[in-house]
Protein backbone atom coordinates (compact mmCIF):
# COMPACT_ATOMS: atom_id res chain seq x y z
CA MET A 1 29.92 6.75 3.20
CA THR A 2 28.28 8.07 6.40
CA LEU A 3 25.90 10.23 4.36
CA TRP A 4 24.81 7.22 2.32
CA ARG A 5 24.22 5.18 5.47
CA MET A 6 22.16 7.98 6.98
CA GLY A 7 20.22 8.40 3.74
CA LEU A 8 19.46 4.69 3.50
CA THR A 9 18.47 4.59 7.18
CA LEU A 10 16.09 7.48 6.49
CA LEU A 11 14.66 5.53 3.55
CA ALA A 12 14.15 2.45 5.74
CA LEU A 13 12.48 4.54 8.47
CA SER A 14 10.15 6.17 5.94
CA ILE A 15 9.13 2.79 4.54
CA LEU A 16 8.47 1.55 8.08
CA ASP A 17 6.44 4.72 8.71
CA VAL A 18 4.33 4.03 5.63
CA ILE A 19 3.78 0.42 6.74
CA LEU A 20 2.73 1.54 10.23
CA THR A 21 0.49 4.25 8.76
CA SER A 22 -1.14 1.66 6.51
CA ILE A 23 -1.76 -0.71 9.42
CA GLY A 24 -3.07 2.06 11.65
CA VAL A 25 -5.39 3.64 9.10
CA LEU A 26 -6.60 0.55 7.23
CA PHE A 27 -6.86 -2.04 9.98
CA LEU A 28 -7.15 -0.14 13.27
CA GLN A 29 -9.33 2.75 12.03
CA GLY A 30 -6.69 5.31 12.95
CA GLN A 31 -7.38 8.90 12.00
CA GLU A 32 -4.88 10.90 10.00
CA ARG A 33 -4.46 14.18 11.89
CA ASN A 34 -2.35 15.98 9.31
CA PRO A 35 -4.74 18.32 7.43
CA LEU A 36 -2.34 18.62 4.48
CA ILE A 37 -2.34 14.84 3.99
CA VAL A 38 -6.14 14.76 4.22
CA GLU A 39 -6.47 17.62 1.69
CA LEU A 40 -4.04 15.95 -0.72
CA ALA A 41 -5.90 12.65 -0.32
CA ASP A 42 -9.10 14.39 -1.44
CA TRP A 43 -7.47 15.03 -4.83
CA ILE A 44 -7.32 11.29 -5.49
CA ARG A 45 -10.63 10.21 -6.98
CA TRP A 46 -10.62 6.42 -6.48
CA GLY A 47 -10.67 4.18 -3.44
CA THR A 48 -11.97 4.71 0.05
CA GLN A 49 -10.85 7.64 2.19
CA ASN A 50 -8.46 5.36 4.09
CA ASP A 51 -6.95 4.02 0.84
CA ARG A 52 -6.45 7.56 -0.46
CA ILE A 53 -4.77 8.66 2.79
CA VAL A 54 -2.36 5.71 2.76
CA LEU A 55 -1.51 6.35 -0.90
CA THR A 56 -0.97 10.05 -0.19
CA VAL A 57 1.28 9.24 2.77
CA TRP A 58 3.25 6.79 0.64
CA LEU A 59 3.67 9.25 -2.24
CA SER A 60 4.65 12.16 0.01
CA LYS A 61 7.18 10.11 2.00
CA MET A 62 8.77 8.52 -1.05
CA THR A 63 8.97 11.88 -2.84
CA ALA A 64 10.64 13.48 0.18
CA ILE A 65 13.06 10.57 0.52
CA ALA A 66 13.88 10.68 -3.20
CA VAL A 67 14.77 14.36 -2.81
CA VAL A 68 16.89 13.57 0.26
CA LEU A 69 18.73 10.77 -1.55
CA LEU A 70 19.34 13.03 -4.54
CA ALA A 71 20.73 15.69 -2.19
CA VAL A 72 22.93 13.07 -0.51
CA HIS A 73 24.21 12.00 -3.92
CA MET A 74 25.00 15.60 -4.83
CA ALA A 75 26.73 16.20 -1.47
CA VAL A 76 28.84 13.06 -1.80
CA LYS A 77 29.94 14.15 -5.29
CA SER A 78 30.79 17.69 -4.14
CA LYS A 79 34.25 18.65 -2.94
CA SER A 80 33.08 21.10 -0.32
CA ALA A 81 33.20 19.95 3.31
CA ARG A 82 30.61 22.60 4.17
CA ASP A 83 28.01 20.91 1.98
CA ASP A 84 28.73 17.59 3.64
CA LEU A 85 28.34 19.10 7.10
CA LEU A 86 25.02 20.72 6.16
CA MET A 87 23.79 17.46 4.66
CA PHE A 88 24.89 15.54 7.75
CA CYS A 89 23.00 17.94 10.03
CA GLY A 90 19.92 17.82 7.80
CA LEU A 91 19.91 14.03 7.72
CA LEU A 92 20.46 13.86 11.47
CA VAL A 93 17.44 16.10 12.09
CA SER A 94 15.37 14.05 9.62
CA LEU A 95 16.36 10.82 11.33
CA LEU A 96 15.40 12.21 14.74
CA VAL A 97 12.03 13.36 13.37
CA TYR A 98 11.37 9.93 11.88
CA VAL A 99 12.29 8.18 15.11
CA GLY A 100 9.74 10.43 16.84
CA VAL A 101 7.10 9.66 14.20
CA LEU A 102 7.67 5.93 14.54
CA ALA A 103 7.59 6.21 18.33
CA SER A 104 4.22 7.96 18.10
CA TRP A 105 2.86 5.09 15.98
CA VAL A 106 4.19 2.53 18.46
CA TRP A 107 2.53 4.50 21.26
CA TYR A 108 -0.72 4.62 19.24
CA PHE A 109 -0.64 0.84 18.71
CA PHE A 110 0.12 0.33 22.39
CA LEU A 111 -2.91 2.42 23.39
CA VAL A 112 -5.28 0.90 20.80
CA LEU A 113 -4.28 -2.72 21.29
CA GLY A 114 -3.93 -2.31 25.05
CA SER A 115 -7.52 -1.21 25.54
């Protein structure tokens, strides 16, 4: 049950990240600094650059989260405690990374809206 809670929390954090990315890029003229995201966005042929970046962020986050949720499902179904421990550690690291990503967006909004 803990793995499912962590997985769903990770999903919620990723959705919040996509929302904050959309607000920052579309409405506050934020710049995406991840060159991989920018390169992948160039593969999309329609929409403005900002629209393509937001779509690319959304697709990449949701794909990663789908893989994480599939791995959580497989770990919950497995009998091995080692798999559960590895999944727990992986989800914990992912959650910490997402908290840092969201904190960076909050800091960005604080700086942009504060000036």
